[in-house]
Protein backbone atom coordinates (compact mmCIF):
# COMPACT_ATOMS: atom_id res chain seq x y z
CA UNK A 1 94.75 60.03 -136.82
CA UNK A 2 94.71 61.54 -140.31
CA UNK A 3 96.48 58.52 -141.79
CA UNK A 4 93.98 56.25 -140.07
CA UNK A 5 91.07 58.13 -141.64
CA UNK A 6 92.75 58.09 -145.06
CA UNK A 7 93.38 54.34 -144.76
CA UNK A 8 89.71 53.92 -143.90
CA UNK A 9 88.82 55.92 -147.01
CA UNK A 10 91.04 53.71 -149.16
CA UNK A 11 89.50 50.55 -147.74
CA UNK A 12 85.94 51.81 -148.22
CA UNK A 13 86.57 53.01 -151.78
CA UNK A 14 88.91 50.27 -153.00
CA UNK A 15 91.86 52.55 -153.74
CA UNK A 16 95.45 52.38 -152.61
CA UNK A 17 96.71 55.35 -150.63
CA UNK A 18 100.41 55.53 -149.77
CA UNK A 19 101.95 58.00 -147.35
CA UNK A 20 105.31 59.54 -146.72
CA UNK A 21 105.99 61.79 -143.79
CA UNK A 22 108.81 64.24 -143.23
CA UNK A 23 109.90 65.98 -140.04
CA UNK A 24 109.94 69.42 -141.68
CA UNK A 25 108.99 71.33 -144.80
CA UNK A 26 112.70 71.65 -145.59
CA UNK A 27 113.16 67.87 -145.43
CA UNK A 28 110.23 67.44 -147.81
CA UNK A 29 111.64 70.00 -150.27
CA UNK A 30 115.01 68.24 -150.26
CA UNK A 31 113.30 64.93 -151.07
CA UNK A 32 110.95 66.55 -153.60
CA UNK A 33 113.92 67.78 -155.67
CA UNK A 34 114.69 64.12 -156.44
CA UNK A 35 111.19 62.59 -156.35
CA UNK A 36 108.15 64.54 -157.51
CA UNK A 37 105.79 61.55 -157.52
CA UNK A 38 103.49 63.00 -154.86
CA UNK A 39 99.84 63.45 -155.77
CA UNK A 40 98.64 65.40 -152.73
CA UNK A 41 100.36 67.32 -149.96
CA UNK A 42 98.51 67.45 -146.66
CA UNK A 43 99.96 70.45 -144.86
CA UNK A 44 99.54 72.13 -141.51
CA UNK A 45 100.37 75.77 -140.93
CA UNK A 46 102.78 75.06 -138.06
CA UNK A 47 105.54 72.89 -139.51
CA UNK A 48 108.74 74.01 -137.83
CA UNK A 49 110.98 76.73 -139.30
CA UNK A 50 109.09 76.89 -142.61
CA UNK A 51 105.33 76.83 -142.23
CA UNK A 52 102.95 75.05 -144.58
CA UNK A 53 101.87 78.23 -146.34
CA UNK A 54 105.50 79.16 -147.05
CA UNK A 55 106.07 75.66 -148.45
CA UNK A 56 103.02 76.03 -150.68
CA UNK A 57 104.20 79.42 -151.96
CA UNK A 58 107.64 78.06 -152.73
CA UNK A 59 106.16 75.16 -154.70
CA UNK A 60 103.90 77.52 -156.66
CA UNK A 61 106.85 79.82 -157.46
CA UNK A 62 108.54 76.78 -159.01
CA UNK A 63 105.36 76.19 -161.07
CA UNK A 64 104.50 72.89 -159.42
CA UNK A 65 100.80 72.19 -159.80
CA UNK A 66 100.70 69.55 -157.09
CA UNK A 67 97.43 69.32 -155.15
CA UNK A 68 97.46 70.93 -151.69
CA UNK A 69 95.22 70.32 -148.69
CA UNK A 70 95.63 72.29 -145.48
CA UNK A 71 94.58 70.58 -142.27
CA UNK A 72 95.11 72.97 -139.39
CA UNK A 73 93.68 74.70 -136.38
CA UNK A 74 94.53 78.17 -137.70
CA UNK A 75 91.68 80.09 -139.32
CA UNK A 76 93.86 83.15 -140.04
CA UNK A 77 95.36 81.57 -143.16
CA UNK A 78 92.20 80.48 -144.98
CA UNK A 79 92.40 83.39 -147.45
CA UNK A 80 96.02 82.61 -148.21
CA UNK A 81 94.99 79.07 -149.09
CA UNK A 82 93.20 80.49 -152.12
CA UNK A 83 96.34 82.39 -153.12
CA UNK A 84 98.27 79.10 -153.43
CA UNK A 85 95.35 77.29 -155.11
CA UNK A 86 94.81 74.82 -152.30
CA UNK A 87 92.11 72.22 -152.90
CA UNK A 88 90.68 72.85 -149.47
CA UNK A 89 91.35 74.02 -145.96
CA UNK A 90 90.05 71.70 -143.23
CA UNK A 91 89.93 72.91 -139.66
CA UNK A 92 90.89 70.61 -136.80
CA UNK A 93 89.43 68.52 -135.34
CA UNK A 94 89.04 66.78 -138.70
CA UNK A 95 85.62 65.37 -139.44
CA UNK A 96 85.76 62.17 -141.46
CA UNK A 97 82.90 63.24 -143.74
CA UNK A 98 84.66 66.49 -144.68
CA UNK A 99 87.97 64.73 -145.34
CA UNK A 100 86.28 62.04 -147.44
CA UNK A 101 84.47 64.69 -149.53
CA UNK A 102 87.79 66.44 -150.25
CA UNK A 103 89.46 63.14 -151.22
CA UNK A 104 86.52 62.36 -153.52
CA UNK A 105 87.09 65.70 -155.31
CA UNK A 106 90.83 65.05 -155.43
CA UNK A 107 90.31 61.64 -157.05
CA UNK A 108 88.02 63.16 -159.68
CA UNK A 109 90.92 65.40 -160.70
CA UNK A 110 93.06 62.28 -161.33
CA UNK A 111 90.47 59.76 -162.57
CA UNK A 112 92.82 57.22 -164.17
CA UNK A 113 94.99 56.64 -161.11
CA UNK A 114 94.53 53.65 -158.83
CA UNK A 115 97.28 54.47 -156.33
CA UNK A 116 97.85 57.87 -154.76
CA UNK A 117 100.90 59.09 -152.85
CA UNK A 118 100.37 61.60 -150.05
CA UNK A 119 102.85 63.66 -148.10
CA UNK A 120 101.69 64.29 -144.56
CA UNK A 121 103.53 66.54 -142.15
CA UNK A 122 104.72 64.48 -139.21
């Protein structure tokens, strides 16, 4: 559903959004060691053995300034989202208007790009 909304955003705004999904945070980290081309990580809290907040902390410890967006049903972690400098924290069910507003802000942070690569937890 999230990819569908993001594709709709891309179509409406004339930008190319590409997605990669991984079965776990650990699988993403393994891939990320070789390919750091991601522009935005869309994370949930529940992501298997390593949760999304732990993944974010690990990336920040390694000084990666990649953009983070949490999309989750857990309100307990909102404060921790600030600790890892997340762009935003969207509660499920996702409202298209809220998601589009966050993507607008994200694009303003990278104004010269025409194609964006997202990681979305599968």
